[in-house]
């Protein structure tokens, strides 16, 4: 078995809402837990959340760049708008959780 066989890919476009909801639940439940291992899990979930949002931001910028270089059709504009709305929503939800 190669190490690459252990990689996991999450499609943030189609699975992002559920993925971020799960991470939010972990953070919310464990960030103030009395047990250190649960607080560590909440911090880890927050880190994954932040990394995933950074990846999403990068793909959003790629979509913007591609649209500017191409025809910038209504479909492109809709995709970018949808991505911007999702990112803003996920950022807002993370902010509501406070600091772990």
PDB file of N, CA and C in Angstrom:
ATOM      1  N   UNK A   1       0.861  -1.179   0.000  1.00  0.00           N
ATOM      2  CA  UNK A   1       0.000   0.000   0.000  1.00  0.00           C
ATOM      3  C   UNK A   1       0.900   1.232   0.000  1.00  0.00           C
ATOM      4  N   UNK A   2       0.626   2.127  -0.906  1.00  0.00           N
ATOM      5  CA  UNK A   2       1.363   3.383  -0.986  1.00  0.00           C
ATOM      6  C   UNK A   2       0.689   4.428  -0.109  1.00  0.00           C
ATOM      7  N   UNK A   3       1.471   5.386   0.306  1.00  0.00           N
ATOM      8  CA  UNK A   3       0.921   6.445   1.138  1.00  0.00           C
ATOM      9  C   UNK A   3      -0.205   7.188   0.419  1.00  0.00           C
ATOM     10  N   UNK A   4      -0.078   7.328  -0.894  1.00  0.00           N
ATOM     11  CA  UNK A   4      -1.117   8.005  -1.677  1.00  0.00           C
ATOM     12  C   UNK A   4      -2.453   7.273  -1.604  1.00  0.00           C
ATOM     13  N   UNK A   5      -2.413   5.981  -1.273  1.00  0.00           N
ATOM     14  CA  UNK A   5      -3.656   5.219  -1.142  1.00  0.00           C
ATOM     15  C   UNK A   5      -4.470   5.666   0.069  1.00  0.00           C
ATOM     16  N   UNK A   6      -3.860   6.447   0.934  1.00  0.00           N
ATOM     17  CA  UNK A   6      -4.548   6.909   2.138  1.00  0.00           C
ATOM     18  C   UNK A   6      -5.084   8.328   2.006  1.00  0.00           C
ATOM     19  N   UNK A   7      -4.878   8.940   0.853  1.00  0.00           N
ATOM     20  CA  UNK A   7      -5.376  10.291   0.634  1.00  0.00           C
ATOM     21  C   UNK A   7      -6.895  10.287   0.540  1.00  0.00           C
ATOM     22  N   UNK A   8      -7.487  11.374   0.988  1.00  0.00           N
ATOM     23  CA  UNK A   8      -8.928  11.556   0.925  1.00  0.00           C
ATOM     24  C   UNK A   8      -9.193  12.885   0.241  1.00  0.00           C
ATOM     25  N   UNK A   9     -10.098  12.889  -0.687  1.00  0.00           N
ATOM     26  CA  UNK A   9     -10.435  14.108  -1.399  1.00  0.00           C
ATOM     27  C   UNK A   9     -11.896  14.441  -1.125  1.00  0.00           C
ATOM     28  N   UNK A  10     -12.133  15.712  -0.809  1.00  0.00           N
ATOM     29  CA  UNK A  10     -13.492  16.186  -0.593  1.00  0.00           C
ATOM     30  C   UNK A  10     -13.765  17.238  -1.655  1.00  0.00           C
ATOM     31  N   UNK A  11     -14.829  17.089  -2.386  1.00  0.00           N
ATOM     32  CA  UNK A  11     -15.228  18.071  -3.379  1.00  0.00           C
ATOM     33  C   UNK A  11     -16.014  19.164  -2.652  1.00  0.00           C
ATOM     34  N   UNK A  12     -15.366  20.297  -2.425  1.00  0.00           N
ATOM     35  CA  UNK A  12     -16.008  21.371  -1.670  1.00  0.00           C
ATOM     36  C   UNK A  12     -17.172  21.998  -2.426  1.00  0.00           C
ATOM     37  N   UNK A  13     -17.185  21.818  -3.731  1.00  0.00           N
ATOM     38  CA  UNK A  13     -18.305  22.359  -4.503  1.00  0.00           C
ATOM     39  C   UNK A  13     -19.586  21.574  -4.230  1.00  0.00           C
ATOM     40  N   UNK A  14     -19.481  20.251  -4.230  1.00  0.00           N
ATOM     41  CA  UNK A  14     -20.684  19.426  -4.057  1.00  0.00           C
ATOM     42  C   UNK A  14     -20.878  18.948  -2.621  1.00  0.00           C
ATOM     43  N   UNK A  15     -19.795  18.800  -1.856  1.00  0.00           N
ATOM     44  CA  UNK A  15     -19.888  18.259  -0.506  1.00  0.00           C
ATOM     45  C   UNK A  15     -19.514  19.265   0.573  1.00  0.00           C
ATOM     46  N   UNK A  16     -19.199  20.486   0.171  1.00  0.00           N
ATOM     47  CA  UNK A  16     -18.710  21.482   1.114  1.00  0.00           C
ATOM     48  C   UNK A  16     -19.666  21.794   2.242  1.00  0.00           C
ATOM     49  N   UNK A  17     -20.940  21.936   1.932  1.00  0.00           N
ATOM     50  CA  UNK A  17     -21.900  22.284   2.985  1.00  0.00           C
ATOM     51  C   UNK A  17     -21.915  21.234   4.085  1.00  0.00           C
ATOM     52  N   UNK A  18     -21.986  19.969   3.718  1.00  0.00           N
ATOM     53  CA  UNK A  18     -22.015  18.900   4.725  1.00  0.00           C
ATOM     54  C   UNK A  18     -20.677  18.819   5.462  1.00  0.00           C
ATOM     55  N   UNK A  19     -19.583  18.944   4.726  1.00  0.00           N
ATOM     56  CA  UNK A  19     -18.250  18.888   5.317  1.00  0.00           C
ATOM     57  C   UNK A  19     -18.077  19.978   6.378  1.00  0.00           C
ATOM     58  N   UNK A  20     -18.412  21.213   6.029  1.00  0.00           N
ATOM     59  CA  UNK A  20     -18.271  22.310   6.982  1.00  0.00           C
ATOM     60  C   UNK A  20     -19.260  22.185   8.142  1.00  0.00           C
ATOM     61  N   UNK A  21     -20.448  21.669   7.892  1.00  0.00           N
ATOM     62  CA  UNK A  21     -21.414  21.447   8.981  1.00  0.00           C
ATOM     63  C   UNK A  21     -20.874  20.454  10.004  1.00  0.00           C
ATOM     64  N   UNK A  22     -20.246  19.398   9.535  1.00  0.00           N
ATOM     65  CA  UNK A  22     -19.677  18.405  10.446  1.00  0.00           C
ATOM     66  C   UNK A  22     -18.556  19.037  11.273  1.00  0.00           C
ATOM     67  N   UNK A  23     -17.685  19.780  10.608  1.00  0.00           N
ATOM     68  CA  UNK A  23     -16.595  20.431  11.336  1.00  0.00           C
ATOM     69  C   UNK A  23     -17.138  21.444  12.347  1.00  0.00           C
ATOM     70  N   UNK A  24     -18.166  22.202  11.968  1.00  0.00           N
ATOM     71  CA  UNK A  24     -18.778  23.160  12.897  1.00  0.00           C
ATOM     72  C   UNK A  24     -19.307  22.444  14.132  1.00  0.00           C
ATOM     73  N   UNK A  25     -19.943  21.303  13.932  1.00  0.00           N
ATOM     74  CA  UNK A  25     -20.499  20.553  15.060  1.00  0.00           C
ATOM     75  C   UNK A  25     -19.390  20.095  16.007  1.00  0.00           C
ATOM     76  N   UNK A  26     -18.307  19.598  15.456  1.00  0.00           N
ATOM     77  CA  UNK A  26     -17.179  19.159  16.284  1.00  0.00           C
ATOM     78  C   UNK A  26     -16.617  20.339  17.071  1.00  0.00           C
ATOM     79  N   UNK A  27     -16.401  21.447  16.382  1.00  0.00           N
ATOM     80  CA  UNK A  27     -15.845  22.630  17.046  1.00  0.00           C
ATOM     81  C   UNK A  27     -16.781  23.108  18.148  1.00  0.00           C
ATOM     82  N   UNK A  28     -18.055  23.220  17.832  1.00  0.00           N
ATOM     83  CA  UNK A  28     -19.042  23.722  18.793  1.00  0.00           C
ATOM     84  C   UNK A  28     -19.120  22.831  20.032  1.00  0.00           C
ATOM     85  N   UNK A  29     -19.139  21.525  19.825  1.00  0.00           N
ATOM     86  CA  UNK A  29     -19.309  20.592  20.939  1.00  0.00           C
ATOM     87  C   UNK A  29     -18.074  20.465  21.820  1.00  0.00           C
ATOM     88  N   UNK A  30     -16.891  20.559  21.214  1.00  0.00           N
ATOM     89  CA  UNK A  30     -15.691  20.204  21.965  1.00  0.00           C
ATOM     90  C   UNK A  30     -14.773  21.372  22.301  1.00  0.00           C
ATOM     91  N   UNK A  31     -15.018  22.562  21.771  1.00  0.00           N
ATOM     92  CA  UNK A  31     -14.063  23.636  22.010  1.00  0.00           C
ATOM     93  C   UNK A  31     -13.983  24.048  23.480  1.00  0.00           C
ATOM     94  N   UNK A  32     -15.025  23.832  24.245  1.00  0.00           N
ATOM     95  CA  UNK A  32     -15.018  24.190  25.665  1.00  0.00           C
ATOM     96  C   UNK A  32     -15.189  22.969  26.559  1.00  0.00           C
ATOM     97  N   UNK A  33     -14.882  21.816  26.004  1.00  0.00           N
ATOM     98  CA  UNK A  33     -15.020  20.568  26.759  1.00  0.00           C
ATOM     99  C   UNK A  33     -14.023  20.548  27.921  1.00  0.00           C
ATOM    100  N   UNK A  34     -14.361  19.837  28.972  1.00  0.00           N
ATOM    101  CA  UNK A  34     -13.438  19.763  30.118  1.00  0.00           C
ATOM    102  C   UNK A  34     -12.216  18.880  29.855  1.00  0.00           C
ATOM    103  N   UNK A  35     -12.262  18.061  28.832  1.00  0.00           N
ATOM    104  CA  UNK A  35     -11.163  17.135  28.565  1.00  0.00           C
ATOM    105  C   UNK A  35     -10.234  17.699  27.495  1.00  0.00           C
ATOM    106  N   UNK A  36      -8.941  17.696  27.766  1.00  0.00           N
ATOM    107  CA  UNK A  36      -7.983  18.257  26.802  1.00  0.00           C
ATOM    108  C   UNK A  36      -8.026  17.584  25.426  1.00  0.00           C
ATOM    109  N   UNK A  37      -8.233  16.264  25.390  1.00  0.00           N
ATOM    110  CA  UNK A  37      -8.237  15.598  24.086  1.00  0.00           C
ATOM    111  C   UNK A  37      -9.398  16.072  23.214  1.00  0.00           C
ATOM    112  N   UNK A  38     -10.517  16.445  23.814  1.00  0.00           N
ATOM    113  CA  UNK A  38     -11.642  16.958  23.028  1.00  0.00           C
ATOM    114  C   UNK A  38     -11.367  18.378  22.546  1.00  0.00           C
ATOM    115  N   UNK A  39     -10.723  19.186  23.378  1.00  0.00           N
ATOM    116  CA  UNK A  39     -10.344  20.531  22.936  1.00  0.00           C
ATOM    117  C   UNK A  39      -9.320  20.452  21.800  1.00  0.00           C
ATOM    118  N   UNK A  40      -8.424  19.472  21.861  1.00  0.00           N
ATOM    119  CA  UNK A  40      -7.454  19.262  20.775  1.00  0.00           C
ATOM    120  C   UNK A  40      -8.173  18.880  19.483  1.00  0.00           C
ATOM    121  N   UNK A  41      -9.193  18.050  19.590  1.00  0.00           N
ATOM    122  CA  UNK A  41      -9.965  17.665  18.401  1.00  0.00           C
ATOM    123  C   UNK A  41     -10.684  18.868  17.810  1.00  0.00           C
ATOM    124  N   UNK A  42     -11.222  19.728  18.669  1.00  0.00           N
ATOM    125  CA  UNK A  42     -11.884  20.943  18.184  1.00  0.00           C
ATOM    126  C   UNK A  42     -10.884  21.843  17.473  1.00  0.00           C
ATOM    127  N   UNK A  43      -9.691  21.985  18.027  1.00  0.00           N
ATOM    128  CA  UNK A  43      -8.662  22.805  17.395  1.00  0.00           C
ATOM    129  C   UNK A  43      -8.244  22.199  16.057  1.00  0.00           C
ATOM    130  N   UNK A  44      -8.153  20.886  15.999  1.00  0.00           N
ATOM    131  CA  UNK A  44      -7.805  20.208  14.750  1.00  0.00           C
ATOM    132  C   UNK A  44      -8.906  20.440  13.704  1.00  0.00           C
ATOM    133  N   UNK A  45     -10.164  20.323  14.123  1.00  0.00           N
ATOM    134  CA  UNK A  45     -11.290  20.556  13.204  1.00  0.00           C
ATOM    135  C   UNK A  45     -11.270  21.996  12.699  1.00  0.00           C
ATOM    136  N   UNK A  46     -10.953  22.941  13.574  1.00  0.00           N
ATOM    137  CA  UNK A  46     -10.851  24.345  13.160  1.00  0.00           C
ATOM    138  C   UNK A  46      -9.743  24.500  12.113  1.00  0.00           C
ATOM    139  N   UNK A  47      -8.619  23.832  12.324  1.00  0.00           N
ATOM    140  CA  UNK A  47      -7.526  23.890  11.363  1.00  0.00           C
ATOM    141  C   UNK A  47      -7.925  23.335  10.005  1.00  0.00           C
ATOM    142  N   UNK A  48      -8.636  22.230  10.008  1.00  0.00           N
ATOM    143  CA  UNK A  48      -9.118  21.650   8.742  1.00  0.00           C
ATOM    144  C   UNK A  48     -10.100  22.609   8.074  1.00  0.00           C
ATOM    145  N   UNK A  49     -10.969  23.196   8.865  1.00  0.00           N
ATOM    146  CA  UNK A  49     -11.946  24.160   8.348  1.00  0.00           C
ATOM    147  C   UNK A  49     -11.211  25.305   7.651  1.00  0.00           C
ATOM    148  N   UNK A  50     -10.200  25.860   8.331  1.00  0.00           N
ATOM    149  CA  UNK A  50      -9.450  26.981   7.765  1.00  0.00           C
ATOM    150  C   UNK A  50      -8.694  26.587   6.502  1.00  0.00           C
ATOM    151  N   UNK A  51      -8.091  25.413   6.508  1.00  0.00           N
ATOM    152  CA  UNK A  51      -7.366  24.940   5.317  1.00  0.00           C
ATOM    153  C   UNK A  51      -8.323  24.747   4.144  1.00  0.00           C
ATOM    154  N   UNK A  52      -9.478  24.173   4.410  1.00  0.00           N
ATOM    155  CA  UNK A  52     -10.463  23.946   3.347  1.00  0.00           C
ATOM    156  C   UNK A  52     -10.953  25.278   2.777  1.00  0.00           C
ATOM    157  N   UNK A  53     -11.159  26.264   3.639  1.00  0.00           N
ATOM    158  CA  UNK A  53     -11.587  27.572   3.142  1.00  0.00           C
ATOM    159  C   UNK A  53     -10.487  28.213   2.302  1.00  0.00           C
ATOM    160  N   UNK A  54      -9.237  28.014   2.679  1.00  0.00           N
ATOM    161  CA  UNK A  54      -8.127  28.560   1.895  1.00  0.00           C
ATOM    162  C   UNK A  54      -8.080  27.916   0.509  1.00  0.00           C
ATOM    163  N   UNK A  55      -8.288  26.609   0.454  1.00  0.00           N
ATOM    164  CA  UNK A  55      -8.347  25.920  -0.838  1.00  0.00           C
ATOM    165  C   UNK A  55      -9.500  26.481  -1.667  1.00  0.00           C
ATOM    166  N   UNK A  56     -10.645  26.656  -1.040  1.00  0.00           N
ATOM    167  CA  UNK A  56     -11.818  27.174  -1.743  1.00  0.00           C
ATOM    168  C   UNK A  56     -11.556  28.586  -2.262  1.00  0.00           C
ATOM    169  N   UNK A  57     -10.908  29.432  -1.427  1.00  0.00           N
ATOM    170  CA  UNK A  57     -10.554  30.780  -1.866  1.00  0.00           C
ATOM    171  C   UNK A  57      -9.661  30.729  -3.110  1.00  0.00           C
ATOM    172  N   UNK A  58      -8.706  29.814  -3.104  1.00  0.00           N
ATOM    173  CA  UNK A  58      -7.820  29.661  -4.260  1.00  0.00           C
ATOM    174  C   UNK A  58      -8.570  29.274  -5.512  1.00  0.00           C
ATOM    175  N   UNK A  59      -9.508  28.333  -5.401  1.00  0.00           N
ATOM    176  CA  UNK A  59     -10.297  27.925  -6.559  1.00  0.00           C
ATOM    177  C   UNK A  59     -11.213  29.053  -7.012  1.00  0.00           C
ATOM    178  N   UNK A  60     -11.712  29.840  -6.069  1.00  0.00           N
ATOM    179  CA  UNK A  60     -12.541  30.993  -6.418  1.00  0.00           C
ATOM    180  C   UNK A  60     -11.713  31.994  -7.221  1.00  0.00           C
ATOM    181  N   UNK A  61     -10.497  32.244  -6.777  1.00  0.00           N
ATOM    182  CA  UNK A  61      -9.631  33.165  -7.522  1.00  0.00           C
ATOM    183  C   UNK A  61      -9.307  32.606  -8.903  1.00  0.00           C
ATOM    184  N   UNK A  62      -9.074  31.299  -8.980  1.00  0.00           N
ATOM    185  CA  UNK A  62      -8.845  30.660 -10.281  1.00  0.00           C
ATOM    186  C   UNK A  62     -10.045  30.872 -11.203  1.00  0.00           C
ATOM    187  N   UNK A  63     -11.250  30.715 -10.656  1.00  0.00           N
ATOM    188  CA  UNK A  63     -12.470  30.902 -11.456  1.00  0.00           C
ATOM    189  C   UNK A  63     -12.583  32.346 -11.923  1.00  0.00           C
ATOM    190  N   UNK A  64     -12.256  33.284 -11.044  1.00  0.00           N
ATOM    191  CA  UNK A  64     -12.287  34.699 -11.436  1.00  0.00           C
ATOM    192  C   UNK A  64     -11.292  34.970 -12.557  1.00  0.00           C
ATOM    193  N   UNK A  65     -10.067  34.472 -12.376  1.00  0.00           N
ATOM    194  CA  UNK A  65      -9.026  34.679 -13.388  1.00  0.00           C
ATOM    195  C   UNK A  65      -9.426  34.075 -14.728  1.00  0.00           C
ATOM    196  N   UNK A  66      -9.970  32.872 -14.681  1.00  0.00           N
ATOM    197  CA  UNK A  66     -10.382  32.191 -15.915  1.00  0.00           C
ATOM    198  C   UNK A  66     -11.497  32.970 -16.608  1.00  0.00           C
ATOM    199  N   UNK A  67     -12.442  33.483 -15.823  1.00  0.00           N
ATOM    200  CA  UNK A  67     -13.544  34.249 -16.404  1.00  0.00           C
ATOM    201  C   UNK A  67     -13.032  35.530 -17.046  1.00  0.00           C
ATOM    202  N   UNK A  68     -12.060  36.172 -16.410  1.00  0.00           N
ATOM    203  CA  UNK A  68     -11.517  37.412 -16.961  1.00  0.00           C
ATOM    204  C   UNK A  68     -10.751  37.161 -18.253  1.00  0.00           C
ATOM    205  N   UNK A  69     -10.121  35.997 -18.371  1.00  0.00           N
ATOM    206  CA  UNK A  69      -9.350  35.673 -19.568  1.00  0.00           C
ATOM    207  C   UNK A  69     -10.235  35.153 -20.696  1.00  0.00           C
ATOM    208  N   UNK A  70     -11.420  34.684 -20.344  1.00  0.00           N
ATOM    209  CA  UNK A  70     -12.310  34.099 -21.346  1.00  0.00           C
ATOM    210  C   UNK A  70     -13.428  35.047 -21.702  1.00  0.00           C
ATOM    211  N   UNK A  71     -14.574  34.458 -21.921  1.00  0.00           N
ATOM    212  CA  UNK A  71     -15.726  35.227 -22.354  1.00  0.00           C
ATOM    213  C   UNK A  71     -16.482  35.875 -21.195  1.00  0.00           C
ATOM    214  N   UNK A  72     -16.266  35.395 -19.985  1.00  0.00           N
ATOM    215  CA  UNK A  72     -16.964  35.906 -18.802  1.00  0.00           C
ATOM    216  C   UNK A  72     -18.479  35.878 -19.026  1.00  0.00           C
ATOM    217  N   UNK A  73     -18.972  34.701 -19.317  1.00  0.00           N
ATOM    218  CA  UNK A  73     -20.383  34.503 -19.637  1.00  0.00           C
ATOM    219  C   UNK A  73     -21.245  34.607 -18.385  1.00  0.00           C
ATOM    220  N   UNK A  74     -22.533  34.602 -18.580  1.00  0.00           N
ATOM    221  CA  UNK A  74     -23.467  34.610 -17.458  1.00  0.00           C
ATOM    222  C   UNK A  74     -23.283  33.372 -16.583  1.00  0.00           C
ATOM    223  N   UNK A  75     -22.931  32.246 -17.207  1.00  0.00           N
ATOM    224  CA  UNK A  75     -22.689  31.011 -16.446  1.00  0.00           C
ATOM    225  C   UNK A  75     -21.471  31.200 -15.547  1.00  0.00           C
ATOM    226  N   UNK A  76     -20.414  31.801 -16.088  1.00  0.00           N
ATOM    227  CA  UNK A  76     -19.218  32.084 -15.288  1.00  0.00           C
ATOM    228  C   UNK A  76     -19.562  33.002 -14.124  1.00  0.00           C
ATOM    229  N   UNK A  77     -20.287  34.051 -14.410  1.00  0.00           N
ATOM    230  CA  UNK A  77     -20.656  35.013 -13.375  1.00  0.00           C
ATOM    231  C   UNK A  77     -21.507  34.370 -12.285  1.00  0.00           C
ATOM    232  N   UNK A  78     -22.405  33.480 -12.675  1.00  0.00           N
ATOM    233  CA  UNK A  78     -23.259  32.779 -11.711  1.00  0.00           C
ATOM    234  C   UNK A  78     -22.424  31.855 -10.836  1.00  0.00           C
ATOM    235  N   UNK A  79     -21.506  31.117 -11.451  1.00  0.00           N
ATOM    236  CA  UNK A  79     -20.635  30.217 -10.691  1.00  0.00           C
ATOM    237  C   UNK A  79     -19.820  31.001  -9.676  1.00  0.00           C
ATOM    238  N   UNK A  80     -19.231  32.091 -10.099  1.00  0.00           N
ATOM    239  CA  UNK A  80     -18.411  32.909  -9.201  1.00  0.00           C
ATOM    240  C   UNK A  80     -19.269  33.495  -8.086  1.00  0.00           C
ATOM    241  N   UNK A  81     -20.428  33.982  -8.417  1.00  0.00           N
ATOM    242  CA  UNK A  81     -21.334  34.529  -7.407  1.00  0.00           C
ATOM    243  C   UNK A  81     -21.724  33.466  -6.380  1.00  0.00           C
ATOM    244  N   UNK A  82     -22.059  32.276  -6.841  1.00  0.00           N
ATOM    245  CA  UNK A  82     -22.414  31.178  -5.932  1.00  0.00           C
ATOM    246  C   UNK A  82     -21.243  30.824  -5.020  1.00  0.00           C
ATOM    247  N   UNK A  83     -20.039  30.779  -5.603  1.00  0.00           N
ATOM    248  CA  UNK A  83     -18.855  30.457  -4.809  1.00  0.00           C
ATOM    249  C   UNK A  83     -18.589  31.540  -3.762  1.00  0.00           C
ATOM    250  N   UNK A  84     -18.747  32.791  -4.135  1.00  0.00           N
ATOM    251  CA  UNK A  84     -18.535  33.896  -3.195  1.00  0.00           C
ATOM    252  C   UNK A  84     -19.540  33.834  -2.046  1.00  0.00           C
ATOM    253  N   UNK A  85     -20.786  33.514  -2.372  1.00  0.00           N
ATOM    254  CA  UNK A  85     -21.815  33.414  -1.334  1.00  0.00           C
ATOM    255  C   UNK A  85     -21.522  32.272  -0.365  1.00  0.00           C
ATOM    256  N   UNK A  86     -21.097  31.131  -0.906  1.00  0.00           N
ATOM    257  CA  UNK A  86     -20.771  29.995  -0.035  1.00  0.00           C
ATOM    258  C   UNK A  86     -19.597  30.328   0.871  1.00  0.00           C
ATOM    259  N   UNK A  87     -18.572  30.936   0.311  1.00  0.00           N
ATOM    260  CA  UNK A  87     -17.403  31.279   1.116  1.00  0.00           C
ATOM    261  C   UNK A  87     -17.777  32.264   2.221  1.00  0.00           C
ATOM    262  N   UNK A  88     -18.550  33.272   1.889  1.00  0.00           N
ATOM    263  CA  UNK A  88     -18.985  34.256   2.892  1.00  0.00           C
ATOM    264  C   UNK A  88     -19.795  33.571   3.995  1.00  0.00           C
ATOM    265  N   UNK A  89     -20.658  32.654   3.623  1.00  0.00           N
ATOM    266  CA  UNK A  89     -21.467  31.920   4.601  1.00  0.00           C
ATOM    267  C   UNK A  89     -20.581  31.095   5.529  1.00  0.00           C
ATOM    268  N   UNK A  90     -19.613  30.357   4.946  1.00  0.00           N
ATOM    269  CA  UNK A  90     -18.743  29.518   5.763  1.00  0.00           C
ATOM    270  C   UNK A  90     -17.855  30.357   6.677  1.00  0.00           C
ATOM    271  N   UNK A  91     -17.406  31.504   6.197  1.00  0.00           N
ATOM    272  CA  UNK A  91     -16.607  32.395   7.035  1.00  0.00           C
ATOM    273  C   UNK A  91     -17.446  32.930   8.197  1.00  0.00           C
ATOM    274  N   UNK A  92     -18.691  33.291   7.904  1.00  0.00           N
ATOM    275  CA  UNK A  92     -19.591  33.799   8.942  1.00  0.00           C
ATOM    276  C   UNK A  92     -19.833  32.735  10.011  1.00  0.00           C
ATOM    277  N   UNK A  93     -20.082  31.507   9.581  1.00  0.00           N
ATOM    278  CA  UNK A  93     -20.357  30.424  10.538  1.00  0.00           C
ATOM    279  C   UNK A  93     -19.141  30.132  11.412  1.00  0.00           C
ATOM    280  N   UNK A  94     -17.957  30.178  10.840  1.00  0.00           N
ATOM    281  CA  UNK A  94     -16.758  29.977  11.646  1.00  0.00           C
ATOM    282  C   UNK A  94     -16.607  31.107  12.653  1.00  0.00           C
ATOM    283  N   UNK A  95     -16.875  32.334  12.228  1.00  0.00           N
ATOM    284  CA  UNK A  95     -16.803  33.465  13.140  1.00  0.00           C
ATOM    285  C   UNK A  95     -17.779  33.359  14.295  1.00  0.00           C
ATOM    286  N   UNK A  96     -18.933  32.786  14.050  1.00  0.00           N
ATOM    287  CA  UNK A  96     -19.952  32.620  15.106  1.00  0.00           C
ATOM    288  C   UNK A  96     -19.507  31.628  16.172  1.00  0.00           C
ATOM    289  N   UNK A  97     -18.580  30.755  15.819  1.00  0.00           N
ATOM    290  CA  UNK A  97     -18.120  29.743  16.775  1.00  0.00           C
ATOM    291  C   UNK A  97     -17.145  30.304  17.798  1.00  0.00           C
ATOM    292  N   UNK A  98     -16.592  31.460  17.544  1.00  0.00           N
ATOM    293  CA  UNK A  98     -15.605  32.041  18.456  1.00  0.00           C
ATOM    294  C   UNK A  98     -14.284  31.310  18.360  1.00  0.00           C
ATOM    295  N   UNK A  99     -13.436  31.557  19.306  1.00  0.00           N
ATOM    296  CA  UNK A  99     -12.096  30.955  19.310  1.00  0.00           C
ATOM    297  C   UNK A  99     -12.071  29.669  20.115  1.00  0.00           C
ATOM    298  N   UNK A 100     -11.419  28.681  19.549  1.00  0.00           N
ATOM    299  CA  UNK A 100     -11.261  27.407  20.266  1.00  0.00           C
ATOM    300  C   UNK A 100     -10.025  27.477  21.125  1.00  0.00           C
TER     301      UNK A 100
END
